[in-house]
Structure formats: structure tokens, C-alpha cells
N, C-alpha and C. Protein backbone atom coordinates (compact mmCIF):
# COMPACT_ATOMS: atom_id res chain seq x y z
N MET A 1 82.90 102.10 94.98
CA MET A 1 83.98 101.81 94.06
C MET A 1 85.26 101.47 94.81
N THR A 2 85.13 100.78 95.90
CA THR A 2 86.29 100.35 96.67
C THR A 2 86.95 99.18 95.98
N PRO A 3 88.30 99.18 95.86
CA PRO A 3 88.97 98.10 95.15
C PRO A 3 88.86 96.78 95.91
N SER A 4 88.85 95.69 95.18
CA SER A 4 88.88 94.37 95.79
C SER A 4 90.30 94.07 96.24
N HIS A 5 90.42 93.45 97.39
CA HIS A 5 91.75 93.08 97.87
C HIS A 5 92.34 91.93 97.07
N ASP A 6 91.53 91.31 96.21
CA ASP A 6 92.01 90.22 95.37
C ASP A 6 92.61 90.73 94.06
N THR A 7 92.53 92.02 93.80
CA THR A 7 93.06 92.58 92.56
C THR A 7 94.58 92.50 92.56
N PRO A 8 95.20 91.90 91.53
CA PRO A 8 96.67 91.83 91.48
C PRO A 8 97.29 93.23 91.51
N ALA A 9 98.49 93.34 92.09
CA ALA A 9 99.15 94.64 92.26
C ALA A 9 99.32 95.36 90.93
N ALA A 10 99.64 94.62 89.85
CA ALA A 10 99.86 95.25 88.55
C ALA A 10 98.58 95.84 87.98
N GLU A 11 97.43 95.44 88.52
CA GLU A 11 96.16 95.94 88.03
C GLU A 11 95.55 96.98 88.97
N ARG A 12 96.38 97.51 89.86
CA ARG A 12 95.96 98.58 90.76
C ARG A 12 96.86 99.77 90.55
N ILE A 13 96.43 100.91 91.02
CA ILE A 13 97.30 102.09 91.02
C ILE A 13 98.53 101.78 91.86
N ARG A 14 99.69 102.08 91.30
CA ARG A 14 100.92 101.97 92.09
C ARG A 14 100.96 103.15 93.03
N GLU A 15 100.83 102.87 94.30
CA GLU A 15 100.77 103.95 95.28
C GLU A 15 102.16 104.32 95.78
N HIS A 16 102.29 105.54 96.25
CA HIS A 16 103.54 106.05 96.79
C HIS A 16 103.20 106.85 98.03
N SER A 17 104.21 107.35 98.70
CA SER A 17 103.97 108.06 99.96
C SER A 17 104.34 109.54 99.88
N MET A 18 104.65 110.03 98.69
CA MET A 18 105.08 111.42 98.54
C MET A 18 103.87 112.36 98.55
N ALA A 19 103.95 113.40 99.37
CA ALA A 19 102.95 114.46 99.37
C ALA A 19 103.68 115.78 99.21
N LEU A 20 103.13 116.68 98.40
CA LEU A 20 103.74 117.98 98.13
C LEU A 20 102.74 119.05 98.52
N SER A 21 103.23 120.16 99.10
CA SER A 21 102.28 121.19 99.52
C SER A 21 102.84 122.58 99.31
N ASP A 22 101.92 123.50 99.08
CA ASP A 22 102.20 124.92 98.90
C ASP A 22 101.03 125.67 99.51
N GLY A 23 101.04 125.84 100.81
CA GLY A 23 99.91 126.50 101.46
C GLY A 23 98.66 125.67 101.32
N GLU A 24 97.62 126.25 100.74
CA GLU A 24 96.34 125.55 100.61
C GLU A 24 96.31 124.54 99.47
N VAL A 25 97.31 124.56 98.60
CA VAL A 25 97.38 123.59 97.51
C VAL A 25 98.26 122.42 97.94
N ARG A 26 97.67 121.24 97.89
CA ARG A 26 98.38 120.04 98.33
C ARG A 26 98.22 118.95 97.28
N LEU A 27 99.30 118.26 96.98
CA LEU A 27 99.27 117.10 96.10
C LEU A 27 99.45 115.88 96.98
N ARG A 28 98.42 115.05 97.03
CA ARG A 28 98.51 113.83 97.84
C ARG A 28 98.49 112.63 96.91
N PRO A 29 99.02 111.51 97.38
CA PRO A 29 99.07 110.33 96.51
C PRO A 29 97.68 109.89 96.04
N MET A 30 97.57 109.56 94.78
CA MET A 30 96.35 108.98 94.23
C MET A 30 96.28 107.51 94.66
N THR A 31 95.08 107.06 95.00
CA THR A 31 94.92 105.68 95.46
C THR A 31 93.73 105.03 94.77
N GLU A 32 93.58 103.75 95.02
CA GLU A 32 92.44 103.00 94.50
C GLU A 32 91.13 103.45 95.12
N GLY A 33 91.18 104.25 96.15
CA GLY A 33 89.96 104.77 96.75
C GLY A 33 89.46 106.06 96.14
N ASP A 34 90.10 106.50 95.04
CA ASP A 34 89.78 107.81 94.46
C ASP A 34 88.88 107.76 93.23
N TRP A 35 88.31 106.60 92.91
CA TRP A 35 87.51 106.52 91.68
C TRP A 35 86.28 107.42 91.74
N ASP A 36 85.70 107.61 92.92
CA ASP A 36 84.54 108.50 93.04
C ASP A 36 84.91 109.95 92.73
N ILE A 37 86.18 110.30 92.91
CA ILE A 37 86.67 111.64 92.59
C ILE A 37 87.02 111.74 91.10
N LEU A 38 87.73 110.74 90.61
CA LEU A 38 88.26 110.79 89.24
C LEU A 38 87.19 110.57 88.17
N LEU A 39 86.23 109.72 88.44
CA LEU A 39 85.27 109.35 87.40
C LEU A 39 84.42 110.53 86.91
N PRO A 40 83.89 111.40 87.78
CA PRO A 40 83.12 112.53 87.25
C PRO A 40 83.91 113.43 86.31
N TRP A 41 85.19 113.63 86.58
CA TRP A 41 86.01 114.46 85.69
C TRP A 41 86.20 113.76 84.35
N ASN A 42 86.31 112.43 84.36
CA ASN A 42 86.51 111.67 83.14
C ASN A 42 85.21 111.42 82.38
N ARG A 43 84.10 111.82 82.97
CA ARG A 43 82.80 111.74 82.28
C ARG A 43 82.32 113.11 81.82
N ASP A 44 83.05 114.15 82.18
CA ASP A 44 82.65 115.53 81.86
C ASP A 44 83.32 115.94 80.55
N VAL A 45 82.53 116.09 79.49
CA VAL A 45 83.11 116.40 78.18
C VAL A 45 83.75 117.79 78.17
N GLY A 46 83.30 118.70 79.03
CA GLY A 46 83.93 120.00 79.12
C GLY A 46 85.33 119.91 79.67
N VAL A 47 85.52 119.08 80.68
CA VAL A 47 86.86 118.85 81.23
C VAL A 47 87.72 118.11 80.22
N LEU A 48 87.16 117.07 79.61
CA LEU A 48 87.91 116.27 78.63
C LEU A 48 88.33 117.08 77.42
N HIS A 49 87.51 118.06 77.04
CA HIS A 49 87.85 118.91 75.89
C HIS A 49 89.23 119.53 76.07
N PHE A 50 89.50 120.05 77.26
CA PHE A 50 90.77 120.73 77.49
C PHE A 50 91.90 119.79 77.88
N SER A 51 91.56 118.64 78.46
CA SER A 51 92.62 117.72 78.85
C SER A 51 93.02 116.77 77.74
N ASP A 52 92.05 116.38 76.89
CA ASP A 52 92.33 115.36 75.88
C ASP A 52 91.95 115.75 74.46
N GLY A 53 91.11 116.77 74.30
CA GLY A 53 90.79 117.23 72.97
C GLY A 53 89.30 117.30 72.69
N PRO A 54 88.94 118.07 71.67
CA PRO A 54 87.52 118.20 71.30
C PRO A 54 86.94 116.86 70.87
N GLY A 55 85.72 116.62 71.29
CA GLY A 55 85.02 115.43 70.85
C GLY A 55 85.36 114.15 71.59
N VAL A 56 86.18 114.24 72.65
CA VAL A 56 86.49 113.03 73.42
C VAL A 56 85.25 112.64 74.22
N PRO A 57 84.76 111.41 74.06
CA PRO A 57 83.53 111.01 74.75
C PRO A 57 83.78 110.71 76.23
N PRO A 58 82.73 110.74 77.03
CA PRO A 58 82.89 110.38 78.44
C PRO A 58 83.45 108.97 78.58
N ARG A 59 84.25 108.77 79.63
CA ARG A 59 84.88 107.48 79.84
C ARG A 59 84.10 106.66 80.86
N SER A 60 84.15 105.37 80.67
CA SER A 60 83.57 104.45 81.64
C SER A 60 84.52 104.31 82.83
N LEU A 61 84.03 103.68 83.88
CA LEU A 61 84.89 103.40 85.03
C LEU A 61 86.07 102.54 84.60
N GLU A 62 85.83 101.54 83.78
CA GLU A 62 86.90 100.64 83.36
C GLU A 62 87.96 101.39 82.55
N GLU A 63 87.54 102.27 81.65
CA GLU A 63 88.50 103.06 80.88
C GLU A 63 89.30 103.99 81.79
N THR A 64 88.62 104.62 82.72
CA THR A 64 89.28 105.53 83.66
C THR A 64 90.29 104.79 84.50
N GLN A 65 89.91 103.64 85.03
CA GLN A 65 90.83 102.85 85.83
C GLN A 65 92.03 102.41 85.00
N GLY A 66 91.80 102.02 83.76
CA GLY A 66 92.90 101.58 82.90
C GLY A 66 93.94 102.67 82.68
N ILE A 67 93.46 103.91 82.50
CA ILE A 67 94.39 105.02 82.27
C ILE A 67 95.27 105.25 83.48
N TYR A 68 94.66 105.45 84.64
CA TYR A 68 95.45 105.82 85.82
C TYR A 68 96.29 104.65 86.33
N ARG A 69 95.74 103.46 86.28
CA ARG A 69 96.53 102.30 86.69
C ARG A 69 97.75 102.12 85.80
N GLY A 70 97.55 102.29 84.49
CA GLY A 70 98.66 102.14 83.57
C GLY A 70 99.73 103.20 83.77
N VAL A 71 99.32 104.45 83.83
CA VAL A 71 100.28 105.55 83.99
C VAL A 71 101.04 105.40 85.30
N SER A 72 100.35 105.01 86.35
CA SER A 72 100.95 105.00 87.68
C SER A 72 102.11 104.01 87.82
N GLN A 73 102.20 103.05 86.91
CA GLN A 73 103.28 102.08 87.02
C GLN A 73 104.64 102.72 86.82
N ASP A 74 104.70 103.86 86.17
CA ASP A 74 105.97 104.55 85.96
C ASP A 74 105.83 106.04 86.24
N ALA A 75 105.00 106.38 87.22
CA ALA A 75 104.75 107.80 87.51
C ALA A 75 104.35 107.96 88.97
N TYR A 76 104.49 109.19 89.44
CA TYR A 76 103.90 109.60 90.70
C TYR A 76 102.57 110.28 90.36
N CYS A 77 101.47 109.64 90.72
CA CYS A 77 100.15 110.19 90.43
C CYS A 77 99.57 110.83 91.69
N PHE A 78 99.00 112.02 91.53
CA PHE A 78 98.52 112.79 92.66
C PHE A 78 97.08 113.26 92.44
N ILE A 79 96.38 113.44 93.55
CA ILE A 79 95.14 114.20 93.58
C ILE A 79 95.50 115.60 94.07
N ILE A 80 95.02 116.62 93.35
CA ILE A 80 95.27 118.00 93.75
C ILE A 80 94.14 118.43 94.69
N GLU A 81 94.51 118.89 95.87
CA GLU A 81 93.54 119.41 96.81
C GLU A 81 93.77 120.90 97.01
N TRP A 82 92.69 121.64 97.08
CA TRP A 82 92.75 123.07 97.36
C TRP A 82 91.90 123.33 98.59
N ALA A 83 92.54 123.77 99.64
CA ALA A 83 91.85 123.97 100.93
C ALA A 83 91.11 122.70 101.36
N GLY A 84 91.74 121.56 101.12
CA GLY A 84 91.17 120.28 101.52
C GLY A 84 90.19 119.66 100.55
N ARG A 85 89.84 120.36 99.48
CA ARG A 85 88.86 119.87 98.50
C ARG A 85 89.58 119.29 97.28
N PRO A 86 89.27 118.05 96.87
CA PRO A 86 89.87 117.52 95.65
C PRO A 86 89.37 118.29 94.42
N VAL A 87 90.29 118.87 93.66
CA VAL A 87 89.89 119.70 92.51
C VAL A 87 90.53 119.26 91.20
N GLY A 88 91.48 118.33 91.24
CA GLY A 88 92.14 117.91 90.02
C GLY A 88 93.10 116.78 90.26
N GLU A 89 93.79 116.41 89.19
CA GLU A 89 94.79 115.35 89.27
C GLU A 89 95.98 115.72 88.41
N CYS A 90 97.13 115.12 88.75
CA CYS A 90 98.34 115.38 87.97
C CYS A 90 99.32 114.25 88.21
N TRP A 91 100.33 114.22 87.36
CA TRP A 91 101.38 113.21 87.59
C TRP A 91 102.70 113.68 87.02
N LEU A 92 103.76 113.10 87.59
CA LEU A 92 105.13 113.23 87.08
C LEU A 92 105.55 111.85 86.62
N GLN A 93 105.82 111.72 85.33
CA GLN A 93 106.03 110.41 84.71
C GLN A 93 107.34 110.42 83.94
N ARG A 94 108.02 109.28 83.92
CA ARG A 94 109.17 109.16 83.02
C ARG A 94 108.68 109.37 81.59
N LEU A 95 109.42 110.15 80.83
CA LEU A 95 108.98 110.47 79.47
C LEU A 95 108.76 109.19 78.68
N ASN A 96 107.57 109.04 78.12
CA ASN A 96 107.19 107.80 77.44
C ASN A 96 107.01 107.97 75.94
N LEU A 97 107.50 109.07 75.39
CA LEU A 97 107.40 109.30 73.95
C LEU A 97 108.77 109.00 73.33
N ASP A 98 108.87 107.87 72.62
CA ASP A 98 110.17 107.43 72.12
C ASP A 98 110.82 108.45 71.21
N TRP A 99 110.04 109.06 70.33
CA TRP A 99 110.63 110.01 69.38
C TRP A 99 111.22 111.21 70.11
N LEU A 100 110.62 111.62 71.22
CA LEU A 100 111.13 112.75 71.97
C LEU A 100 112.33 112.34 72.82
N ARG A 101 112.30 111.12 73.34
CA ARG A 101 113.44 110.63 74.12
C ARG A 101 114.68 110.51 73.25
N ARG A 102 114.49 110.12 71.99
CA ARG A 102 115.65 109.98 71.10
C ARG A 102 116.35 111.32 70.87
N LEU A 103 115.63 112.41 71.02
CA LEU A 103 116.23 113.73 70.85
C LEU A 103 116.99 114.18 72.09
N HIS A 104 116.83 113.46 73.19
CA HIS A 104 117.51 113.79 74.46
C HIS A 104 118.09 112.51 75.06
N PRO A 105 119.01 111.86 74.34
CA PRO A 105 119.46 110.51 74.75
C PRO A 105 120.22 110.47 76.06
N SER A 106 120.87 111.54 76.44
CA SER A 106 121.68 111.51 77.66
C SER A 106 120.99 112.16 78.85
N ASP A 107 119.74 112.59 78.67
CA ASP A 107 119.02 113.28 79.74
C ASP A 107 118.02 112.36 80.44
N ASP A 108 117.83 112.59 81.73
CA ASP A 108 116.74 111.98 82.47
C ASP A 108 115.52 112.87 82.25
N CYS A 109 114.59 112.40 81.44
CA CYS A 109 113.44 113.21 81.02
C CYS A 109 112.16 112.76 81.71
N ARG A 110 111.39 113.72 82.18
CA ARG A 110 110.10 113.44 82.80
C ARG A 110 109.04 114.29 82.11
N ARG A 111 107.78 113.93 82.31
CA ARG A 111 106.69 114.71 81.76
C ARG A 111 105.67 114.98 82.86
N ILE A 112 105.02 116.11 82.72
CA ILE A 112 103.95 116.51 83.63
C ILE A 112 102.65 116.52 82.86
N ASP A 113 101.63 115.93 83.44
CA ASP A 113 100.27 116.03 82.93
C ASP A 113 99.39 116.50 84.08
N ILE A 114 98.43 117.36 83.77
CA ILE A 114 97.60 117.93 84.82
C ILE A 114 96.20 118.21 84.28
N THR A 115 95.20 117.98 85.13
CA THR A 115 93.82 118.33 84.82
C THR A 115 93.19 118.92 86.07
N ILE A 116 92.63 120.10 85.93
CA ILE A 116 91.79 120.64 86.99
C ILE A 116 90.36 120.24 86.63
N GLY A 117 89.79 119.33 87.41
CA GLY A 117 88.49 118.76 87.07
C GLY A 117 87.30 119.57 87.54
N GLU A 118 87.51 120.41 88.54
CA GLU A 118 86.42 121.24 89.06
C GLU A 118 86.44 122.58 88.33
N LYS A 119 85.45 122.82 87.49
CA LYS A 119 85.46 123.98 86.61
C LYS A 119 85.45 125.31 87.36
N ASP A 120 84.85 125.34 88.55
CA ASP A 120 84.84 126.59 89.30
C ASP A 120 86.22 126.95 89.85
N CYS A 121 87.18 126.05 89.68
CA CYS A 121 88.56 126.31 90.12
C CYS A 121 89.47 126.69 88.96
N TRP A 122 88.92 126.72 87.75
CA TRP A 122 89.73 127.14 86.60
C TRP A 122 90.10 128.61 86.74
N GLY A 123 91.31 128.95 86.35
CA GLY A 123 91.75 130.33 86.35
C GLY A 123 92.03 130.90 87.73
N LYS A 124 92.16 130.04 88.74
CA LYS A 124 92.40 130.50 90.11
C LYS A 124 93.86 130.33 90.53
N GLY A 125 94.71 129.84 89.64
CA GLY A 125 96.12 129.66 89.96
C GLY A 125 96.45 128.34 90.61
N VAL A 126 95.47 127.46 90.77
CA VAL A 126 95.73 126.17 91.40
C VAL A 126 96.65 125.33 90.52
N GLY A 127 96.39 125.32 89.22
CA GLY A 127 97.22 124.53 88.31
C GLY A 127 98.66 124.99 88.32
N SER A 128 98.89 126.30 88.32
CA SER A 128 100.26 126.82 88.35
C SER A 128 100.99 126.37 89.60
N ARG A 129 100.30 126.44 90.72
CA ARG A 129 100.94 126.04 91.97
C ARG A 129 101.22 124.54 92.00
N ALA A 130 100.32 123.75 91.44
CA ALA A 130 100.55 122.30 91.38
C ALA A 130 101.72 121.97 90.47
N VAL A 131 101.80 122.61 89.31
CA VAL A 131 102.90 122.35 88.39
C VAL A 131 104.22 122.78 89.01
N ARG A 132 104.23 123.90 89.69
CA ARG A 132 105.46 124.36 90.36
C ARG A 132 105.94 123.30 91.36
N LEU A 133 105.02 122.72 92.11
CA LEU A 133 105.40 121.66 93.06
C LEU A 133 105.96 120.45 92.33
N LEU A 134 105.35 120.06 91.21
CA LEU A 134 105.85 118.91 90.45
C LEU A 134 107.23 119.19 89.87
N VAL A 135 107.45 120.39 89.38
CA VAL A 135 108.76 120.74 88.81
C VAL A 135 109.83 120.69 89.90
N GLU A 136 109.53 121.26 91.04
CA GLU A 136 110.50 121.24 92.13
C GLU A 136 110.80 119.81 92.57
N PHE A 137 109.78 118.98 92.65
CA PHE A 137 109.96 117.59 93.00
C PHE A 137 110.82 116.87 91.94
N ALA A 138 110.55 117.14 90.67
CA ALA A 138 111.30 116.50 89.59
C ALA A 138 112.78 116.85 89.65
N PHE A 139 113.10 118.11 89.85
CA PHE A 139 114.49 118.53 89.83
C PHE A 139 115.22 118.25 91.14
N GLU A 140 114.55 118.49 92.26
CA GLU A 140 115.23 118.37 93.54
C GLU A 140 115.27 116.95 94.08
N SER A 141 114.17 116.24 94.01
CA SER A 141 114.12 114.89 94.58
C SER A 141 114.44 113.81 93.55
N GLU A 142 113.93 113.96 92.33
CA GLU A 142 114.13 112.96 91.30
C GLU A 142 115.37 113.21 90.46
N ARG A 143 115.95 114.39 90.59
CA ARG A 143 117.17 114.76 89.86
C ARG A 143 117.00 114.65 88.35
N ALA A 144 115.82 114.94 87.87
CA ALA A 144 115.58 114.94 86.42
C ALA A 144 116.38 116.07 85.77
N ASP A 145 116.72 115.89 84.50
CA ASP A 145 117.42 116.92 83.73
C ASP A 145 116.46 117.84 83.00
N VAL A 146 115.40 117.25 82.44
CA VAL A 146 114.45 118.00 81.64
C VAL A 146 113.04 117.56 82.01
N VAL A 147 112.14 118.53 82.11
CA VAL A 147 110.73 118.23 82.32
C VAL A 147 109.95 118.74 81.12
N PHE A 148 109.07 117.91 80.60
CA PHE A 148 108.25 118.27 79.46
C PHE A 148 106.79 118.45 79.87
N ALA A 149 106.15 119.41 79.26
CA ALA A 149 104.70 119.50 79.26
C ALA A 149 104.29 119.04 77.87
N CYS A 150 103.75 117.85 77.79
CA CYS A 150 103.47 117.23 76.50
C CYS A 150 102.02 117.43 76.09
N ASP A 151 101.81 117.47 74.80
CA ASP A 151 100.45 117.52 74.25
C ASP A 151 99.66 118.72 74.75
N VAL A 152 100.35 119.85 74.95
CA VAL A 152 99.64 121.09 75.28
C VAL A 152 99.13 121.64 73.95
N ALA A 153 97.88 121.36 73.67
CA ALA A 153 97.36 121.56 72.32
C ALA A 153 96.87 122.99 72.08
N ASP A 154 96.74 123.31 70.80
CA ASP A 154 96.31 124.64 70.40
C ASP A 154 94.92 124.99 70.92
N TYR A 155 94.11 123.96 71.23
CA TYR A 155 92.76 124.23 71.72
C TYR A 155 92.75 124.56 73.22
N ASN A 156 93.94 124.59 73.84
CA ASN A 156 94.01 124.93 75.26
C ASN A 156 95.09 125.99 75.50
N PRO A 157 94.87 127.20 75.00
CA PRO A 157 95.89 128.26 75.15
C PRO A 157 96.13 128.63 76.61
N ARG A 158 95.14 128.47 77.46
CA ARG A 158 95.31 128.81 78.87
C ARG A 158 96.39 127.93 79.51
N SER A 159 96.40 126.64 79.15
CA SER A 159 97.40 125.73 79.69
C SER A 159 98.79 126.11 79.21
N ARG A 160 98.91 126.43 77.93
CA ARG A 160 100.22 126.82 77.41
C ARG A 160 100.73 128.08 78.09
N ARG A 161 99.88 129.06 78.30
CA ARG A 161 100.30 130.29 78.99
C ARG A 161 100.75 130.00 80.41
N MET A 162 100.06 129.08 81.06
CA MET A 162 100.43 128.72 82.42
C MET A 162 101.83 128.11 82.47
N PHE A 163 102.10 127.15 81.57
CA PHE A 163 103.42 126.53 81.56
C PHE A 163 104.50 127.55 81.20
N GLU A 164 104.23 128.40 80.24
CA GLU A 164 105.22 129.41 79.86
C GLU A 164 105.48 130.39 81.00
N SER A 165 104.47 130.69 81.80
CA SER A 165 104.67 131.60 82.94
C SER A 165 105.59 130.99 83.99
N LEU A 166 105.73 129.66 83.96
CA LEU A 166 106.61 128.97 84.91
C LEU A 166 107.98 128.69 84.32
N GLY A 167 108.25 129.23 83.13
CA GLY A 167 109.58 129.09 82.54
C GLY A 167 109.70 128.04 81.46
N PHE A 168 108.65 127.30 81.18
CA PHE A 168 108.70 126.32 80.09
C PHE A 168 108.80 127.06 78.76
N GLU A 169 109.56 126.47 77.85
CA GLU A 169 109.72 127.07 76.53
C GLU A 169 109.19 126.12 75.46
N LEU A 170 108.60 126.71 74.44
CA LEU A 170 108.06 125.91 73.34
C LEU A 170 109.19 125.18 72.64
N SER A 171 109.03 123.87 72.51
CA SER A 171 110.02 123.05 71.84
C SER A 171 109.82 123.14 70.33
N LYS A 172 110.90 123.05 69.59
CA LYS A 172 110.81 123.07 68.13
C LYS A 172 110.21 121.76 67.62
N GLU A 173 110.37 120.69 68.39
CA GLU A 173 109.83 119.40 67.98
C GLU A 173 108.35 119.34 68.28
N ARG A 174 107.54 118.97 67.30
CA ARG A 174 106.09 118.94 67.51
C ARG A 174 105.50 117.56 67.34
N GLY A 175 106.29 116.61 66.88
CA GLY A 175 105.75 115.26 66.74
C GLY A 175 104.85 115.14 65.54
N ALA A 176 104.04 114.08 65.56
CA ALA A 176 103.21 113.77 64.40
C ALA A 176 101.97 114.65 64.31
N ASP A 177 101.53 115.19 65.43
CA ASP A 177 100.30 115.98 65.45
C ASP A 177 100.64 117.46 65.51
N PRO A 178 100.42 118.21 64.42
CA PRO A 178 100.87 119.61 64.36
C PRO A 178 100.14 120.54 65.32
N ILE A 179 98.99 120.13 65.88
CA ILE A 179 98.31 121.05 66.79
C ILE A 179 98.78 120.88 68.23
N ARG A 180 99.63 119.88 68.48
CA ARG A 180 100.10 119.63 69.84
C ARG A 180 101.49 120.20 70.04
N ALA A 181 101.64 120.96 71.11
CA ALA A 181 102.92 121.58 71.42
C ALA A 181 103.60 120.80 72.54
N TYR A 182 104.93 120.88 72.56
CA TYR A 182 105.74 120.28 73.60
C TYR A 182 106.58 121.38 74.20
N LEU A 183 106.42 121.59 75.49
CA LEU A 183 107.16 122.64 76.17
C LEU A 183 108.19 122.00 77.09
N THR A 184 109.36 122.63 77.20
CA THR A 184 110.45 122.04 77.96
C THR A 184 110.96 123.00 79.02
N LEU A 185 111.44 122.40 80.09
CA LEU A 185 112.10 123.15 81.16
C LEU A 185 113.29 122.33 81.61
N ARG A 186 114.48 122.92 81.54
CA ARG A 186 115.71 122.23 81.93
C ARG A 186 116.07 122.59 83.36
N ARG A 187 116.60 121.60 84.09
CA ARG A 187 116.99 121.82 85.48
C ARG A 187 118.03 122.93 85.56
N PRO A 188 117.85 123.89 86.45
CA PRO A 188 118.83 124.95 86.61
C PRO A 188 120.19 124.37 86.99
N ALA A 189 121.25 125.07 86.61
CA ALA A 189 122.60 124.59 86.90
C ALA A 189 122.82 124.44 88.40
N ARG A 190 122.27 125.36 89.16
CA ARG A 190 122.37 125.26 90.62
C ARG A 190 120.97 125.34 91.18
N ALA A 191 120.50 124.24 91.76
CA ALA A 191 119.13 124.19 92.25
C ALA A 191 119.02 124.87 93.60
N THR A 192 117.81 125.33 93.89
CA THR A 192 117.53 126.00 95.15
C THR A 192 116.86 125.02 96.10
N ALA A 193 117.35 124.94 97.31
CA ALA A 193 116.78 124.03 98.30
C ALA A 193 115.54 124.66 98.92
N GLY A 194 114.85 123.86 99.72
CA GLY A 194 113.73 124.38 100.49
C GLY A 194 112.41 124.35 99.75
N TYR A 195 112.26 123.45 98.79
CA TYR A 195 110.99 123.37 98.09
C TYR A 195 109.94 122.74 98.97
N GLY A 196 108.67 122.82 98.48
CA GLY A 196 107.56 122.52 99.36
C GLY A 196 107.11 121.09 99.45
N HIS A 197 108.00 120.09 99.36
CA HIS A 197 107.50 118.73 99.56
C HIS A 197 107.61 118.33 101.01
N THR A 198 106.63 117.53 101.45
CA THR A 198 106.56 117.13 102.86
C THR A 198 106.62 115.62 102.99
């Protein structure tokens, strides 16, 4: 699944050079060479249940590529590695929900999305450490004002507890889908230096 060099740039993952680390948990840039890693997670209905909802069917390679290539045009997309093993993916993206942006017109808003694709790594704290790295990157390097955890749905209480443990608060705004929650975290008035990006 190696990309063709003839593929136009807009039809490839927008790559970046940012890597974030916290001991054995490392976020490295997602690339066009990662389809062999990403596709099994996007074909696993158990993983998709918690990342996208009950009943989401397995995705084809073309669908998977379309998602990550599209998101990456306005996001930092990462592969999550734990002790050198790829175990998930995540991204920090400019907030793309118009109705939510209208409620924060003067803020630089970003959103975090995360999936731990390797089921034997669920509940091990890898997701918390990855989100902490993304939050620190958002506030310290990107100077964002607010970070959202969007679409944290009622069918994934573990994800909501994880975000809340990191200081995210349930937003009163729920959007059109009543089972989806939006959690927010505002940049501290005085940020702390020395975060784990490399």
C-alpha cells in the first residue's frame, strides 16, 4: 500500500515534522506509508463501535484514505506508538463544526480525536497520555484558546471519563445529536513550559 509518487499533494496526507513524546508513548507524524497500520483498525467493527458508533461497517482502503487525507489538510495527524509499537491514531484539528465555532467567535478553537486501535492496549492509560501531549501541544505551540473533545458519545463512557480526568468539562451545547457530548478545555491563564514535544 505504498503511495504512488504521481498522486497530487492534495490527495495525500499532509505530512508534518512534529513528534511528541512522554516516555514510552510517542506521537509521530502520520504518513502515506501507514495504510497497513490504519486499515485493520478501520475494518474492525469493535474498534469502530467506540470511535464512530454502533453499527458502523468496516471501511475500505479508499474510504480510510479519504478520511485521513481529508482531515490532515487542516490538522496534525499522528500515529500513537507505545514502546515502539503502533497502537492508535489521533489528531489535533482546527474546529470544523460551524455551529460550535459560532458559540466561540473570538477563540482559536481546536479539536482532538483519538482512537486506540489495538484492543489489548485499552485501559492502559495510553490514550490519556496521548491526549495530554496533544493538549500541551495545542496550548503551548499552537496557542489555541480552547480545545474540544467532540462527539464523545454516550456509548463510550470510558472515553468521556478519560477526557474529564484531564480537566475537560462537559459543554452545555450538544448539537443536533443528543447522544453526543462535547467536552471543553480552556487554555490556562499562565501556561507551564517544558511540555513533552520533541
